[in-house]
Amino acid sequence: MFKRKSVDAQVGDKFVKANDNKNTVWVVEKIFEHVDGILHARLYNRAHPKTMITVSASTLSDPDFFCRAPAENED
């Protein structure tokens, strides 16, 4: 079986869930290989940093589940 060893995201990248109201921004905190050999990303909710989710890298790159958050000015 082939494993995907790359991900189109880096620590600090921001995403929103595709089915969300686009107000909740998730920020990539860590990218790691899980014990099953599949790449995963841990994300935290920007508004509530203690709220975290972990998803496979393939889910993060699937537009049915996530899309990149629009760019913002961060002064």
Protein backbone atom coordinates (compact mmCIF):
# COMPACT_ATOMS: atom_id res chain seq x y z
CA MET A 1 0.00 0.00 0.00
CA PHE A 2 1.25 3.50 -0.79
CA LYS A 3 1.35 6.22 1.82
CA ARG A 4 1.20 9.90 1.05
CA LYS A 5 4.23 11.51 2.68
CA SER A 6 3.51 15.14 1.93
CA VAL A 7 0.86 17.63 2.88
CA ASP A 8 -0.11 20.94 1.32
CA ALA A 9 -0.13 22.72 4.68
CA GLN A 10 2.39 24.09 7.11
CA VAL A 11 2.32 25.08 10.74
CA GLY A 12 0.48 28.39 11.00
CA ASP A 13 -1.73 27.86 7.93
CA LYS A 14 -5.39 28.74 8.50
CA PHE A 15 -8.41 26.74 7.37
CA VAL A 16 -12.19 26.82 7.73
CA LYS A 17 -14.50 23.82 7.59
CA ALA A 18 -16.33 23.63 4.27
CA ASN A 19 -19.73 23.18 5.93
CA ASP A 20 -19.12 25.84 8.60
CA ASN A 21 -20.32 29.41 8.60
CA LYS A 22 -16.74 30.47 7.78
CA ASN A 23 -16.41 32.27 11.13
CA THR A 24 -14.41 29.54 12.85
CA VAL A 25 -10.79 29.63 11.76
CA TRP A 26 -8.62 26.60 12.47
CA VAL A 27 -4.83 27.06 12.62
CA VAL A 28 -2.35 24.24 11.98
CA GLU A 29 -0.35 23.70 15.16
CA LYS A 30 1.51 20.52 14.23
CA ILE A 31 1.88 18.06 11.35
CA PHE A 32 2.90 14.55 12.32
CA GLU A 33 2.88 10.93 11.22
CA HIS A 34 0.42 8.94 13.32
CA VAL A 35 1.25 5.41 14.52
CA ASP A 36 -0.68 4.06 11.52
CA GLY A 37 1.80 5.80 9.18
CA ILE A 38 -0.70 8.37 7.95
CA LEU A 39 0.07 12.08 8.11
CA HIS A 40 -2.19 14.09 10.39
CA ALA A 41 -2.52 17.74 11.33
CA ARG A 42 -3.48 19.09 14.72
CA LEU A 43 -5.38 22.36 14.51
CA TYR A 44 -6.60 24.78 17.13
CA ASN A 45 -9.55 27.14 17.02
CA ARG A 46 -8.12 30.65 16.65
CA ALA A 47 -10.84 32.20 18.83
CA HIS A 48 -10.57 29.45 21.49
CA PRO A 49 -7.00 28.07 21.34
CA LYS A 50 -7.68 25.29 23.87
CA THR A 51 -10.20 23.79 21.42
CA MET A 52 -8.30 21.42 19.11
CA ILE A 53 -9.03 18.88 16.41
CA THR A 54 -6.84 16.33 14.67
CA VAL A 55 -7.52 15.34 11.07
CA SER A 56 -5.66 13.33 8.47
CA ALA A 57 -3.70 15.39 5.98
CA SER A 58 -5.85 14.04 3.17
CA THR A 59 -8.98 15.35 4.93
CA LEU A 60 -7.36 18.74 5.41
CA SER A 61 -6.60 18.95 1.70
CA ASP A 62 -10.08 17.79 0.62
CA PRO A 63 -12.28 20.78 -0.37
CA ASP A 64 -15.37 18.82 0.71
CA PHE A 65 -14.11 19.14 4.30
CA PHE A 66 -11.76 22.14 4.55
CA CYS A 67 -10.67 25.19 2.58
CA ARG A 68 -8.03 27.80 3.28
CA ALA A 69 -9.18 30.77 5.29
CA PRO A 70 -9.20 34.07 3.41
CA ALA A 71 -6.06 36.16 3.92
CA GLU A 72 -6.31 38.83 6.58
CA ASN A 73 -4.26 41.78 7.68
CA GLU A 74 -2.56 40.84 10.92
CA ASP A 75 -1.11 44.05 12.28
